[in-house]
Amino acid sequence: MPYANQISRRLYAFLCEQEGAIAAEYAVLLAMVAAVAVGAISIVGYHVTGTAASVSARLPAGSDVQLGDSMSTMQAHVNTIPP
């Protein structure tokens, strides 16, 4: 029965090895972190889109506010927004 003894020792050594288990745990942890990050980015993106749509709807039609305009130009347009 030396062959059976050798198999049982190899099986025991394989089951006790922790390098593979640690790598699997890190992979699961990384997947969980990635899922939370994607969810958070999705939620923030949804709220930013809603806020931008709200601001856009409140601007007067034909508003010429452009990215890079001076603060005084933007303030003049903001002052025309009804409360």
Protein backbone atom coordinates (compact mmCIF):
# COMPACT_ATOMS: atom_id res chain seq x y z
CA MET A 1 0.00 0.00 0.00
CA PRO A 2 2.86 2.45 -0.40
CA TYR A 3 1.11 3.87 -3.47
CA ALA A 4 -2.07 4.72 -1.50
CA ASN A 5 0.03 6.28 1.24
CA GLN A 6 1.83 8.47 -1.30
CA ILE A 7 -1.47 9.60 -2.83
CA SER A 8 -2.95 10.45 0.56
CA ARG A 9 0.15 12.49 1.48
CA ARG A 10 0.01 14.42 -1.80
CA LEU A 11 -3.71 15.02 -1.38
CA TYR A 12 -3.18 16.25 2.17
CA ALA A 13 -0.34 18.55 1.05
CA PHE A 14 -2.50 19.93 -1.76
CA LEU A 15 -5.42 20.64 0.55
CA CYS A 16 -3.17 22.34 3.09
CA GLU A 17 -1.50 24.60 0.53
CA GLN A 18 -2.72 28.17 1.00
CA GLU A 19 -1.18 30.10 -1.87
CA GLY A 20 -4.02 29.24 -4.23
CA ALA A 21 -6.65 30.02 -1.61
CA ILE A 22 -5.11 33.40 -0.87
CA ALA A 23 -5.00 34.26 -4.58
CA ALA A 24 -8.67 33.28 -4.93
CA GLU A 25 -9.60 35.41 -1.93
CA TYR A 26 -7.82 38.41 -3.40
CA ALA A 27 -9.57 37.84 -6.73
CA VAL A 28 -12.98 37.79 -5.02
CA LEU A 29 -12.10 40.91 -3.03
CA LEU A 30 -10.96 42.70 -6.18
CA ALA A 31 -14.18 41.74 -7.98
CA MET A 32 -16.24 43.09 -5.08
CA VAL A 33 -14.32 46.37 -5.01
CA ALA A 34 -14.74 46.73 -8.77
CA ALA A 35 -18.49 46.09 -8.52
CA VAL A 36 -18.88 48.73 -5.79
CA ALA A 37 -16.81 51.23 -7.79
CA VAL A 38 -18.88 50.69 -10.95
CA GLY A 39 -22.09 51.07 -8.95
CA ALA A 40 -20.90 54.26 -7.28
CA ILE A 41 -19.76 55.79 -10.56
CA SER A 42 -23.09 54.87 -12.14
CA ILE A 43 -25.07 56.51 -9.33
CA VAL A 44 -22.93 59.67 -9.38
CA GLY A 45 -23.24 59.86 -13.18
CA TYR A 46 -27.02 59.58 -12.94
CA HIS A 47 -27.21 62.43 -10.42
CA VAL A 48 -24.82 64.64 -12.41
CA THR A 49 -26.91 64.10 -15.55
CA GLY A 50 -30.06 65.03 -13.64
CA THR A 51 -28.45 68.16 -12.23
CA ALA A 52 -27.16 69.22 -15.65
CA ALA A 53 -30.61 68.70 -17.17
CA SER A 54 -32.18 70.77 -14.38
CA VAL A 55 -29.72 73.62 -14.89
CA SER A 56 -30.16 73.44 -18.64
CA ALA A 57 -33.94 73.61 -18.32
CA ARG A 58 -33.73 76.71 -16.15
CA LEU A 59 -31.49 78.65 -18.55
CA PRO A 60 -33.37 81.04 -20.81
CA ALA A 61 -33.89 79.95 -24.41
CA GLY A 62 -31.09 81.09 -26.68
CA SER A 63 -28.67 81.45 -23.80
CA ASP A 64 -25.16 81.97 -25.08
CA VAL A 65 -23.31 80.74 -22.00
CA GLN A 66 -20.33 78.72 -23.19
CA LEU A 67 -17.61 76.82 -21.43
CA GLY A 68 -14.80 79.28 -20.76
CA ASP A 69 -17.01 82.39 -20.55
CA SER A 70 -16.03 84.97 -17.97
CA MET A 71 -17.75 84.98 -14.61
CA SER A 72 -19.43 88.30 -15.36
CA THR A 73 -20.98 86.87 -18.55
CA MET A 74 -22.24 83.83 -16.69
CA GLN A 75 -23.54 85.97 -13.81
CA ALA A 76 -25.50 88.12 -16.26
CA HIS A 77 -27.21 84.99 -17.58
CA VAL A 78 -27.83 83.62 -14.09
CA ASN A 79 -29.50 86.90 -13.07
CA THR A 80 -32.06 86.39 -15.85
CA ILE A 81 -33.18 82.99 -14.44
CA PRO A 82 -36.53 83.23 -12.70
CA PRO A 83 -36.61 82.03 -9.08
